[in-house]
Amino acid sequence: MSNTVSPGAYLPHDAPMMLLEQVISVTDESASCRVRVATDSVLRPFLDVNGSLPGWYALELMAQTIGVWSGWHRHQQGKETISLGMVLGARELRCTEGCFPAGLTLDICVTLLMQDERFGSFDCEIRASDAVLAKGRVNTFQPSQDELLSLFNQGSSS
């Protein structure tokens, strides 16, 4: 796959919630995306006073990379609509430094462990150069259209 495709081609996110800048690669079993921790990057609204990205964003970076993987597969199957997925949880998710320091380029890599029609499990890592800065396992769920409608209409009937 060419790395000229924007993450927005596969994700239902708009600024400022699009946290990825570049799709590096997508295969049947994995995906890799990239983002810079810098004041001129998409992460700017989320940086702390030191220009660092707090570590809790690791889960969203991983989830969006999984979304790229899923969106790429939907596109390969001829499905043009972008589908909303959900994170069920993460296991053993650790960010070694507690934040991602300013000036780093983060490579987010996800590898499929298990998938059925609606559930998936991925090993995930965030690296800068050769250092692993965060890793964990992320579990996902693909709700049906009816489930999404039910979920989003919960509070609107009052």
C-alpha atoms as a PDB file:
ATOM      1  CA  MET A   1       0.000   0.000   0.000  1.00  0.00           C
ATOM      2  CA  SER A   2       1.216   3.521  -0.772  1.00  0.00           C
ATOM      3  CA  ASN A   3       1.847   5.805   2.166  1.00  0.00           C
ATOM      4  CA  THR A   4       0.242   8.764   0.395  1.00  0.00           C
ATOM      5  CA  VAL A   5      -3.224   7.964   1.772  1.00  0.00           C
ATOM      6  CA  SER A   6      -4.417  10.197   4.603  1.00  0.00           C
ATOM      7  CA  PRO A   7      -5.697   8.562   7.819  1.00  0.00           C
ATOM      8  CA  GLY A   8      -8.906  10.525   7.183  1.00  0.00           C
ATOM      9  CA  ALA A   9      -9.637   8.233   4.239  1.00  0.00           C
ATOM     10  CA  TYR A  10     -10.286   5.421   6.740  1.00  0.00           C
ATOM     11  CA  LEU A  11     -11.452   7.136   9.939  1.00  0.00           C
ATOM     12  CA  PRO A  12     -14.694   8.951  10.822  1.00  0.00           C
ATOM     13  CA  HIS A  13     -12.714  11.696  12.609  1.00  0.00           C
ATOM     14  CA  ASP A  14     -12.342  15.397  11.888  1.00  0.00           C
ATOM     15  CA  ALA A  15      -9.974  17.957  13.382  1.00  0.00           C
ATOM     16  CA  PRO A  16      -9.160  18.263  16.184  1.00  0.00           C
ATOM     17  CA  MET A  17      -9.903  14.598  16.979  1.00  0.00           C
ATOM     18  CA  MET A  18      -7.814  13.199  14.114  1.00  0.00           C
ATOM     19  CA  LEU A  19      -4.603  12.367  15.985  1.00  0.00           C
ATOM     20  CA  LEU A  20      -2.683  10.728  13.123  1.00  0.00           C
ATOM     21  CA  GLU A  21      -0.821  12.477  10.327  1.00  0.00           C
ATOM     22  CA  GLN A  22       0.316   9.683   8.054  1.00  0.00           C
ATOM     23  CA  VAL A  23      -0.483   6.095   7.125  1.00  0.00           C
ATOM     24  CA  ILE A  24       2.823   4.262   6.704  1.00  0.00           C
ATOM     25  CA  SER A  25       1.580   0.792   5.798  1.00  0.00           C
ATOM     26  CA  VAL A  26      -1.382  -1.556   6.048  1.00  0.00           C
ATOM     27  CA  THR A  27      -1.340  -5.315   5.470  1.00  0.00           C
ATOM     28  CA  ASP A  28      -3.749  -8.159   6.160  1.00  0.00           C
ATOM     29  CA  GLU A  29      -2.357  -8.472   9.700  1.00  0.00           C
ATOM     30  CA  SER A  30      -0.978  -5.042  10.660  1.00  0.00           C
ATOM     31  CA  ALA A  31      -0.980  -1.280  10.260  1.00  0.00           C
ATOM     32  CA  SER A  32       1.503   1.475  10.971  1.00  0.00           C
ATOM     33  CA  CYS A  33       0.795   5.202  11.258  1.00  0.00           C
ATOM     34  CA  ARG A  34       2.852   8.231  12.245  1.00  0.00           C
ATOM     35  CA  VAL A  35       2.420  11.543  14.035  1.00  0.00           C
ATOM     36  CA  ARG A  36       4.796  14.240  15.275  1.00  0.00           C
ATOM     37  CA  VAL A  37       4.713  15.624  18.817  1.00  0.00           C
ATOM     38  CA  ALA A  38       5.090  19.255  17.802  1.00  0.00           C
ATOM     39  CA  THR A  39       3.218  22.551  17.989  1.00  0.00           C
ATOM     40  CA  ASP A  40       2.766  22.485  14.206  1.00  0.00           C
ATOM     41  CA  SER A  41       1.228  18.995  14.185  1.00  0.00           C
ATOM     42  CA  VAL A  42      -2.328  17.701  14.602  1.00  0.00           C
ATOM     43  CA  LEU A  43      -1.476  17.036  18.261  1.00  0.00           C
ATOM     44  CA  ARG A  44      -1.099  20.737  19.079  1.00  0.00           C
ATOM     45  CA  PRO A  45      -4.424  21.105  20.977  1.00  0.00           C
ATOM     46  CA  PHE A  46      -3.457  18.245  23.296  1.00  0.00           C
ATOM     47  CA  LEU A  47       0.124  19.158  24.206  1.00  0.00           C
ATOM     48  CA  ASP A  48       0.983  20.218  27.757  1.00  0.00           C
ATOM     49  CA  VAL A  49       2.900  23.387  28.695  1.00  0.00           C
ATOM     50  CA  ASN A  50       6.211  21.620  27.905  1.00  0.00           C
ATOM     51  CA  GLY A  51       5.004  20.616  24.437  1.00  0.00           C
ATOM     52  CA  SER A  52       4.685  16.963  25.472  1.00  0.00           C
ATOM     53  CA  LEU A  53       1.708  14.701  24.803  1.00  0.00           C
ATOM     54  CA  PRO A  54       0.319  13.118  27.990  1.00  0.00           C
ATOM     55  CA  GLY A  55       0.652   9.332  28.056  1.00  0.00           C
ATOM     56  CA  TRP A  56      -3.073   8.635  28.236  1.00  0.00           C
ATOM     57  CA  TYR A  57      -3.295   9.563  24.543  1.00  0.00           C
ATOM     58  CA  ALA A  58      -1.495   6.296  23.775  1.00  0.00           C
ATOM     59  CA  LEU A  59      -4.810   4.419  23.785  1.00  0.00           C
ATOM     60  CA  GLU A  60      -6.422   6.803  21.282  1.00  0.00           C
ATOM     61  CA  LEU A  61      -3.368   6.714  18.985  1.00  0.00           C
ATOM     62  CA  MET A  62      -3.523   2.912  19.038  1.00  0.00           C
ATOM     63  CA  ALA A  63      -7.301   2.884  18.530  1.00  0.00           C
ATOM     64  CA  GLN A  64      -7.086   5.228  15.542  1.00  0.00           C
ATOM     65  CA  THR A  65      -4.376   3.071  13.976  1.00  0.00           C
ATOM     66  CA  ILE A  66      -6.643   0.043  14.442  1.00  0.00           C
ATOM     67  CA  GLY A  67      -9.374   2.132  12.780  1.00  0.00           C
ATOM     68  CA  VAL A  68      -7.066   2.726   9.811  1.00  0.00           C
ATOM     69  CA  TRP A  69      -6.466  -1.034   9.603  1.00  0.00           C
ATOM     70  CA  SER A  70     -10.221  -1.707   9.726  1.00  0.00           C
ATOM     71  CA  GLY A  71     -11.049   1.046   7.235  1.00  0.00           C
ATOM     72  CA  TRP A  72      -8.426  -0.228   4.797  1.00  0.00           C
ATOM     73  CA  HIS A  73      -9.986  -3.707   4.981  1.00  0.00           C
ATOM     74  CA  ARG A  74     -13.479  -2.321   4.423  1.00  0.00           C
ATOM     75  CA  HIS A  75     -12.159  -0.444   1.384  1.00  0.00           C
ATOM     76  CA  GLN A  76     -10.523  -3.655   0.063  1.00  0.00           C
ATOM     77  CA  GLN A  77     -13.921  -5.376   0.368  1.00  0.00           C
ATOM     78  CA  GLY A  78     -15.547  -2.634  -1.716  1.00  0.00           C
ATOM     79  CA  LYS A  79     -17.291  -0.950   1.216  1.00  0.00           C
ATOM     80  CA  GLU A  80     -16.957   2.797   0.735  1.00  0.00           C
ATOM     81  CA  THR A  81     -18.620   3.957   3.956  1.00  0.00           C
ATOM     82  CA  ILE A  82     -16.478   4.560   7.011  1.00  0.00           C
ATOM     83  CA  SER A  83     -17.734   2.581   9.980  1.00  0.00           C
ATOM     84  CA  LEU A  84     -17.556   3.577  13.632  1.00  0.00           C
ATOM     85  CA  GLY A  85     -15.765   1.093  15.891  1.00  0.00           C
ATOM     86  CA  MET A  86     -15.401   1.030  19.658  1.00  0.00           C
ATOM     87  CA  VAL A  87     -12.633   0.221  22.090  1.00  0.00           C
ATOM     88  CA  LEU A  88     -13.775  -2.356  24.621  1.00  0.00           C
ATOM     89  CA  GLY A  89     -10.640  -2.047  26.696  1.00  0.00           C
ATOM     90  CA  ALA A  90      -6.903  -2.368  26.921  1.00  0.00           C
ATOM     91  CA  ARG A  91      -4.734  -4.850  28.764  1.00  0.00           C
ATOM     92  CA  GLU A  92      -1.285  -4.163  30.128  1.00  0.00           C
ATOM     93  CA  LEU A  93      -1.187  -0.764  28.448  1.00  0.00           C
ATOM     94  CA  ARG A  94       1.920   1.053  29.618  1.00  0.00           C
ATOM     95  CA  CYS A  95       3.514   4.328  28.622  1.00  0.00           C
ATOM     96  CA  THR A  96       7.097   4.046  29.909  1.00  0.00           C
ATOM     97  CA  GLU A  97       7.744   7.767  30.461  1.00  0.00           C
ATOM     98  CA  GLY A  98       4.199   8.872  31.280  1.00  0.00           C
ATOM     99  CA  CYS A  99       4.265  11.251  28.305  1.00  0.00           C
ATOM    100  CA  PHE A 100       5.575  11.578  24.764  1.00  0.00           C
ATOM    101  CA  PRO A 101       8.181  14.380  24.800  1.00  0.00           C
ATOM    102  CA  ALA A 102       8.131  17.293  22.392  1.00  0.00           C
ATOM    103  CA  GLY A 103      10.043  16.815  19.171  1.00  0.00           C
ATOM    104  CA  LEU A 104       9.476  13.082  18.782  1.00  0.00           C
ATOM    105  CA  THR A 105       8.007  11.387  15.739  1.00  0.00           C
ATOM    106  CA  LEU A 106       5.778   8.564  16.941  1.00  0.00           C
ATOM    107  CA  ASP A 107       5.301   5.379  14.933  1.00  0.00           C
ATOM    108  CA  ILE A 108       2.154   3.555  16.028  1.00  0.00           C
ATOM    109  CA  CYS A 109       2.094  -0.126  15.029  1.00  0.00           C
ATOM    110  CA  VAL A 110      -0.790  -2.553  15.529  1.00  0.00           C
ATOM    111  CA  THR A 111      -0.781  -6.282  14.844  1.00  0.00           C
ATOM    112  CA  LEU A 112      -3.918  -8.400  14.666  1.00  0.00           C
ATOM    113  CA  LEU A 113      -4.081 -11.183  17.248  1.00  0.00           C
ATOM    114  CA  MET A 114      -7.674 -12.343  16.794  1.00  0.00           C
ATOM    115  CA  GLN A 115     -10.722 -11.229  14.873  1.00  0.00           C
ATOM    116  CA  ASP A 116     -14.214 -12.410  14.173  1.00  0.00           C
ATOM    117  CA  GLU A 117     -17.029 -10.535  12.492  1.00  0.00           C
ATOM    118  CA  ARG A 118     -17.453  -7.996  15.313  1.00  0.00           C
ATOM    119  CA  PHE A 119     -14.598  -8.332  17.819  1.00  0.00           C
ATOM    120  CA  GLY A 120     -10.868  -7.827  17.400  1.00  0.00           C
ATOM    121  CA  SER A 121      -7.754  -7.941  19.538  1.00  0.00           C
ATOM    122  CA  PHE A 122      -4.490  -6.201  18.623  1.00  0.00           C
ATOM    123  CA  ASP A 123      -0.970  -5.984  20.014  1.00  0.00           C
ATOM    124  CA  CYS A 124       0.032  -2.330  19.854  1.00  0.00           C
ATOM    125  CA  GLU A 125       3.275  -0.380  20.197  1.00  0.00           C
ATOM    126  CA  ILE A 126       4.264   3.237  19.974  1.00  0.00           C
ATOM    127  CA  ARG A 127       7.905   3.780  19.050  1.00  0.00           C
ATOM    128  CA  ALA A 128      10.225   6.708  18.514  1.00  0.00           C
ATOM    129  CA  SER A 129      13.335   5.615  16.620  1.00  0.00           C
ATOM    130  CA  ASP A 130      14.170   2.223  18.139  1.00  0.00           C
ATOM    131  CA  ALA A 131      12.693   2.887  21.587  1.00  0.00           C
ATOM    132  CA  VAL A 132       9.324   1.419  22.595  1.00  0.00           C
ATOM    133  CA  LEU A 133       7.489   4.198  24.453  1.00  0.00           C
ATOM    134  CA  ALA A 134       4.135   2.485  24.954  1.00  0.00           C
ATOM    135  CA  LYS A 135       2.658  -0.950  24.407  1.00  0.00           C
ATOM    136  CA  GLY A 136      -0.425  -2.947  25.213  1.00  0.00           C
ATOM    137  CA  ARG A 137      -3.254  -5.051  23.858  1.00  0.00           C
ATOM    138  CA  VAL A 138      -6.385  -3.276  22.629  1.00  0.00           C
ATOM    139  CA  ASN A 139      -9.733  -5.036  22.218  1.00  0.00           C
ATOM    140  CA  THR A 140     -12.314  -3.621  19.826  1.00  0.00           C
ATOM    141  CA  PHE A 141     -15.968  -4.056  18.906  1.00  0.00           C
ATOM    142  CA  GLN A 142     -17.809  -3.299  15.659  1.00  0.00           C
ATOM    143  CA  PRO A 143     -21.401  -2.359  16.548  1.00  0.00           C
ATOM    144  CA  SER A 144     -24.224  -2.871  14.076  1.00  0.00           C
ATOM    145  CA  GLN A 145     -26.039   0.135  12.618  1.00  0.00           C
ATOM    146  CA  ASP A 146     -29.039  -0.592  14.874  1.00  0.00           C
ATOM    147  CA  GLU A 147     -26.802  -0.727  17.970  1.00  0.00           C
ATOM    148  CA  LEU A 148     -25.220   2.615  17.047  1.00  0.00           C
ATOM    149  CA  LEU A 149     -28.620   4.229  16.518  1.00  0.00           C
ATOM    150  CA  SER A 150     -29.815   2.878  19.856  1.00  0.00           C
ATOM    151  CA  LEU A 151     -26.674   4.075  21.633  1.00  0.00           C
ATOM    152  CA  PHE A 152     -26.767   7.602  20.205  1.00  0.00           C
ATOM    153  CA  ASN A 153     -30.516   8.007  20.659  1.00  0.00           C
ATOM    154  CA  GLN A 154     -30.495   7.042  24.375  1.00  0.00           C
ATOM    155  CA  GLY A 155     -30.646  10.615  25.670  1.00  0.00           C
ATOM    156  CA  SER A 156     -32.661  12.228  22.893  1.00  0.00           C
ATOM    157  CA  SER A 157     -36.060  10.741  23.793  1.00  0.00           C
ATOM    158  CA  SER A 158     -36.583  12.889  26.929  1.00  0.00           C
END
